[in-house]
Amino acid sequence: MLQSLLYGPQAVPADTLLYADLLDAWFQFLRESSRFKEAEPIGLQALALHTRLLGEQHLLVAESMNNLALLRQYTGNYSEAIRLHQQALAIRKSLAGENSQEVAESLHNLGTLYNSKRDWASAERYLQQALAIKQQIMPATPPSIRVSKARLAGSYIDSKQYARAIPLLEEVLAGEQSDPNSDKVHTAIVLRELADAHHYLRHVNIAERYYLQALDSFAASVGKQHYAYAVALNGLGWLYKKNGKPEQGTSMIAESERLFDAIK
């Protein structure tokens, strides 16, 4: 549908705002489908057209910058991603306000980027700022706040600050479990991350409980042949192997590795 509106015989006129918006939508589809080489020229075209039609100081221009920055981030071009995210952030602060959802999104994306660069201090700073804005402008437990808390907790886990990650993850889990419309896969991921954090802190019984819950959740939401299920199974296997259940643990590790090989 998008392609026909952009390139078909009844295509939208190319010098219009609607065409720029359709380019952005097509770009995001290609990016999320990991078709990065195809996506790049479309994203650049969308940004250029939005800028020409609207001027540099416009929220739609900032959105196009943000979208292109995510592509740069996914492909490892961090310096260019940072430049684009910072430009989008400046526009959003100027036009939407310091305490806006748009600014929170840019801060969240910068935090995620710096986490990928293993710059833990910068990641924490941006993620905390994003979370603070969301908590100020949104209801107490919307999915967006839970995502921000989970991302900050994930950064703490990556930087081996497990004791700081656990209370955040517990808050996220409580919100997920009380929300009948919560993303069940995300709930399972939070359970697995709690298990991992307790595992690293050698809280064996607590880690086991969370791993088992995560496995049940993954089995129900994505099935037992999914990569995420294999990751949780591998974690529980190593927990057992190192803590008095070597045979059961070895069997689980072998099964998880079989799943990894089958998924590749």
Protein backbone atom coordinates (compact mmCIF):
# COMPACT_ATOMS: atom_id res chain seq x y z
CA MET A 1 0.00 0.00 0.00
CA LEU A 2 2.72 2.49 0.98
CA GLN A 3 4.77 1.66 -2.10
CA SER A 4 1.78 2.23 -4.41
CA LEU A 5 1.10 5.62 -2.81
CA LEU A 6 4.75 6.58 -3.25
CA TYR A 7 5.65 5.04 -6.60
CA GLY A 8 2.48 3.68 -8.29
CA PRO A 9 0.44 5.19 -11.11
CA GLN A 10 -1.83 6.93 -8.56
CA ALA A 11 1.07 8.11 -6.39
CA VAL A 12 0.75 11.12 -4.11
CA PRO A 13 2.39 14.28 -5.59
CA ALA A 14 6.06 14.17 -4.66
CA ASP A 15 6.41 17.76 -3.49
CA THR A 16 3.87 17.56 -0.68
CA LEU A 17 3.86 17.07 3.07
CA LEU A 18 1.77 13.91 2.67
CA TYR A 19 4.46 12.43 0.42
CA ALA A 20 7.12 13.26 3.06
CA ASP A 21 5.02 11.57 5.76
CA LEU A 22 4.55 8.48 3.57
CA LEU A 23 8.30 8.35 2.95
CA ASP A 24 8.87 8.40 6.71
CA ALA A 25 6.37 5.58 7.22
CA TRP A 26 7.98 3.48 4.47
CA PHE A 27 11.43 4.20 5.92
CA GLN A 28 10.35 3.02 9.37
CA PHE A 29 8.89 -0.17 7.92
CA LEU A 30 12.17 -0.93 6.12
CA ARG A 31 14.22 -0.11 9.21
CA GLU A 32 12.14 -2.30 11.51
CA SER A 33 12.41 -5.09 8.91
CA SER A 34 16.24 -4.78 9.13
CA ARG A 35 16.40 -3.71 5.45
CA PHE A 36 18.90 -1.03 6.39
CA LYS A 37 20.50 -0.40 2.97
CA GLU A 38 17.09 0.13 1.39
CA ALA A 39 15.94 2.28 4.28
CA GLU A 40 18.80 4.80 4.36
CA PRO A 41 18.08 6.76 1.13
CA ILE A 42 14.35 6.82 1.98
CA GLY A 43 15.06 8.25 5.43
CA LEU A 44 17.38 10.89 4.02
CA GLN A 45 14.77 11.82 1.40
CA ALA A 46 12.03 12.10 4.05
CA LEU A 47 14.21 14.35 6.24
CA ALA A 48 15.21 16.56 3.32
CA LEU A 49 11.63 16.99 2.11
CA HIS A 50 10.25 17.70 5.58
CA THR A 51 13.00 20.29 6.12
CA ARG A 52 12.38 21.98 2.74
CA LEU A 53 8.60 22.15 3.23
CA LEU A 54 8.50 23.04 6.93
CA GLY A 55 11.84 24.65 7.75
CA GLU A 56 14.42 23.34 10.18
CA GLN A 57 12.46 24.22 13.34
CA HIS A 58 9.49 21.88 13.19
CA LEU A 59 8.45 18.82 15.21
CA LEU A 60 7.99 16.69 12.08
CA VAL A 61 11.57 17.51 11.09
CA ALA A 62 12.69 16.43 14.57
CA GLU A 63 10.72 13.21 14.15
CA SER A 64 12.45 12.48 10.83
CA MET A 65 15.82 13.18 12.48
CA ASN A 66 14.94 10.84 15.34
CA ASN A 67 13.92 8.08 12.91
CA LEU A 68 17.14 8.43 10.92
CA ALA A 69 19.18 8.50 14.13
CA LEU A 70 17.71 5.13 15.13
CA LEU A 71 18.90 3.67 11.81
CA ARG A 72 22.41 5.03 12.43
CA GLN A 73 22.24 3.54 15.92
CA TYR A 74 21.14 0.11 14.70
CA THR A 75 23.98 0.03 12.16
CA GLY A 76 26.65 1.08 14.68
CA ASN A 77 27.24 4.63 13.39
CA TYR A 78 27.03 6.05 16.89
CA SER A 79 28.64 9.44 16.27
CA GLU A 80 26.14 10.29 13.53
CA ALA A 81 23.27 8.88 15.61
CA ILE A 82 24.24 11.08 18.55
CA ARG A 83 24.43 14.17 16.31
CA LEU A 84 20.94 13.53 14.92
CA HIS A 85 19.43 12.67 18.32
CA GLN A 86 20.89 15.84 19.83
CA GLN A 87 19.54 17.96 16.98
CA ALA A 88 16.09 16.40 17.37
CA LEU A 89 16.27 16.92 21.13
CA ALA A 90 17.10 20.61 20.72
CA ILE A 91 14.16 21.16 18.35
CA ARG A 92 11.78 19.27 20.62
CA LYS A 93 12.87 21.22 23.70
CA SER A 94 12.33 24.48 21.84
CA LEU A 95 8.94 23.64 20.33
CA ALA A 96 7.32 21.03 22.59
CA GLY A 97 8.84 22.13 25.90
CA GLU A 98 11.40 20.69 28.29
CA ASN A 99 8.85 18.42 29.97
CA SER A 100 7.18 16.88 26.94
CA GLN A 101 6.70 13.36 25.68
CA GLU A 102 8.77 14.22 22.60
CA VAL A 103 11.74 15.30 24.74
CA ALA A 104 11.37 12.17 26.88
CA GLU A 105 11.53 10.04 23.72
CA SER A 106 14.76 11.70 22.56
CA LEU A 107 16.34 11.32 26.01
CA HIS A 108 15.29 7.66 26.14
CA ASN A 109 16.82 7.01 22.72
CA LEU A 110 20.06 8.73 23.71
CA GLY A 111 20.20 6.64 26.88
CA THR A 112 19.71 3.45 24.90
CA LEU A 113 22.42 4.52 22.45
CA TYR A 114 24.96 5.25 25.18
CA ASN A 115 24.13 1.91 26.77
CA SER A 116 25.05 0.25 23.46
CA LYS A 117 28.34 2.17 23.58
CA ARG A 118 28.89 0.86 27.14
CA ASP A 119 29.02 4.44 28.42
CA TRP A 120 27.06 3.56 31.52
CA ALA A 121 27.20 6.97 33.20
CA SER A 122 25.77 8.78 30.15
CA ALA A 123 23.18 6.04 29.62
CA GLU A 124 21.99 6.35 33.23
CA ARG A 125 21.82 10.15 33.04
CA TYR A 126 19.67 10.23 29.90
CA LEU A 127 17.43 7.33 30.94
CA GLN A 128 16.81 8.87 34.35
CA GLN A 129 15.91 12.20 32.74
CA ALA A 130 13.48 10.47 30.38
CA LEU A 131 11.87 8.56 33.24
CA ALA A 132 11.55 11.70 35.38
CA ILE A 133 9.71 13.55 32.60
CA LYS A 134 7.34 10.64 31.95
CA GLN A 135 6.55 10.31 35.65
CA GLN A 136 5.78 14.04 35.76
CA ILE A 137 3.45 14.21 32.75
CA MET A 138 1.84 10.75 32.64
CA PRO A 139 -0.37 8.64 34.93
CA ALA A 140 1.39 6.48 37.48
CA THR A 141 1.79 3.21 35.60
CA PRO A 142 1.35 3.55 31.82
CA PRO A 143 3.32 1.16 29.57
CA SER A 144 5.67 3.96 28.51
CA ILE A 145 6.87 4.51 32.09
CA ARG A 146 7.32 0.76 32.57
CA VAL A 147 9.42 0.63 29.40
CA SER A 148 11.63 3.47 30.64
CA LYS A 149 12.11 1.83 34.03
CA ALA A 150 12.92 -1.49 32.36
CA ARG A 151 15.45 0.16 30.03
CA LEU A 152 17.16 1.90 32.95
CA ALA A 153 17.22 -1.38 34.87
CA GLY A 154 18.67 -3.11 31.81
CA SER A 155 21.45 -0.55 31.73
CA TYR A 156 22.16 -1.24 35.41
CA ILE A 157 22.37 -4.97 34.65
CA ASP A 158 24.71 -4.36 31.71
CA SER A 159 26.97 -2.30 33.99
CA LYS A 160 26.77 -4.98 36.72
CA GLN A 161 24.78 -2.78 39.12
CA TYR A 162 22.38 -5.60 39.92
CA ALA A 163 21.17 -4.31 43.28
CA ARG A 164 20.04 -1.08 41.60
CA ALA A 165 18.28 -2.95 38.80
CA ILE A 166 16.18 -5.26 41.00
CA PRO A 167 13.81 -2.71 42.64
CA LEU A 168 13.13 -1.06 39.27
CA LEU A 169 12.36 -4.41 37.66
CA GLU A 170 10.10 -5.35 40.57
CA GLU A 171 8.14 -2.11 40.05
CA VAL A 172 7.84 -2.86 36.34
CA LEU A 173 6.72 -6.43 37.01
CA ALA A 174 4.05 -5.29 39.47
CA GLY A 175 2.70 -2.88 36.87
CA GLU A 176 2.76 -5.49 34.12
CA GLN A 177 0.98 -8.09 36.22
CA SER A 178 -1.75 -5.65 37.29
CA ASP A 179 -2.43 -4.54 33.71
CA PRO A 180 -4.63 -6.99 31.77
CA ASN A 181 -3.49 -5.39 28.51
CA SER A 182 0.23 -5.61 29.22
CA ASP A 183 2.61 -7.06 26.65
CA LYS A 184 3.09 -10.65 27.81
CA VAL A 185 6.44 -10.97 26.05
CA HIS A 186 7.72 -7.87 27.84
CA THR A 187 6.50 -9.33 31.15
CA ALA A 188 8.46 -12.50 30.42
CA ILE A 189 11.58 -10.47 29.60
CA VAL A 190 11.28 -8.61 32.91
CA LEU A 191 10.99 -11.93 34.76
CA ARG A 192 14.11 -13.20 33.02
CA GLU A 193 16.05 -10.02 33.79
CA LEU A 194 15.04 -10.31 37.46
CA ALA A 195 16.25 -13.91 37.41
CA ASP A 196 19.56 -12.86 35.83
CA ALA A 197 20.11 -10.10 38.40
CA HIS A 198 19.44 -12.43 41.35
CA HIS A 199 21.58 -15.11 39.69
CA TYR A 200 24.57 -12.76 39.51
CA LEU A 201 24.01 -11.83 43.17
CA ARG A 202 23.86 -15.57 44.04
CA HIS A 203 20.30 -15.42 45.31
CA VAL A 204 19.77 -18.94 44.04
CA ASN A 205 16.21 -19.65 45.21
CA ILE A 206 14.87 -16.29 44.06
CA ALA A 207 16.64 -16.59 40.70
CA GLU A 208 15.20 -20.09 40.21
CA ARG A 209 11.67 -18.86 40.90
CA TYR A 210 11.95 -16.03 38.38
CA TYR A 211 13.56 -18.24 35.71
CA LEU A 212 10.72 -20.76 36.02
CA GLN A 213 8.11 -18.01 35.77
CA ALA A 214 9.91 -16.52 32.76
CA LEU A 215 10.00 -19.91 31.02
CA ASP A 216 6.27 -20.38 31.61
CA SER A 217 5.57 -16.88 30.29
CA PHE A 218 7.74 -17.32 27.20
CA ALA A 219 6.20 -20.73 26.49
CA ALA A 220 2.71 -19.21 26.64
CA SER A 221 3.51 -16.08 24.60
CA VAL A 222 6.08 -17.12 21.97
CA GLY A 223 6.49 -20.89 22.36
CA LYS A 224 9.35 -23.14 23.42
CA GLN A 225 11.23 -22.89 20.12
CA HIS A 226 11.81 -19.14 20.42
CA TYR A 227 15.19 -17.50 21.05
CA ALA A 228 13.90 -15.75 24.18
CA TYR A 229 12.81 -19.08 25.67
CA ALA A 230 16.26 -20.51 24.94
CA VAL A 231 17.98 -17.58 26.72
CA ALA A 232 15.93 -18.13 29.89
CA LEU A 233 16.49 -21.89 29.72
CA ASN A 234 20.23 -21.34 29.38
CA GLY A 235 20.24 -19.06 32.43
CA LEU A 236 18.39 -21.58 34.55
CA GLY A 237 20.68 -24.35 33.31
CA TRP A 238 23.78 -22.50 34.46
CA LEU A 239 22.13 -21.69 37.79
CA TYR A 240 21.45 -25.39 38.37
CA LYS A 241 24.85 -26.52 37.12
CA LYS A 242 26.69 -24.26 39.55
CA ASN A 243 24.37 -24.85 42.51
CA GLY A 244 23.90 -28.52 43.22
CA LYS A 245 21.93 -29.77 40.20
CA PRO A 246 24.70 -30.42 37.64
CA GLU A 247 22.93 -33.09 35.60
CA GLN A 248 19.70 -31.12 35.24
CA GLY A 249 21.66 -27.96 34.49
CA THR A 250 23.83 -29.62 31.84
CA SER A 251 20.72 -31.01 30.14
CA MET A 252 19.08 -27.56 30.06
CA ILE A 253 22.21 -25.89 28.70
CA ALA A 254 22.45 -28.51 25.95
CA GLU A 255 18.79 -28.01 25.03
CA SER A 256 19.20 -24.23 24.93
CA GLU A 257 22.24 -24.54 22.67
CA ARG A 258 20.29 -26.84 20.39
CA LEU A 259 17.60 -24.18 20.15
CA PHE A 260 20.17 -21.48 19.45
CA ASP A 261 21.64 -23.53 16.61
CA ALA A 262 18.18 -24.27 15.17
CA ILE A 263 17.21 -20.60 15.24
CA LYS A 264 20.33 -19.34 13.44
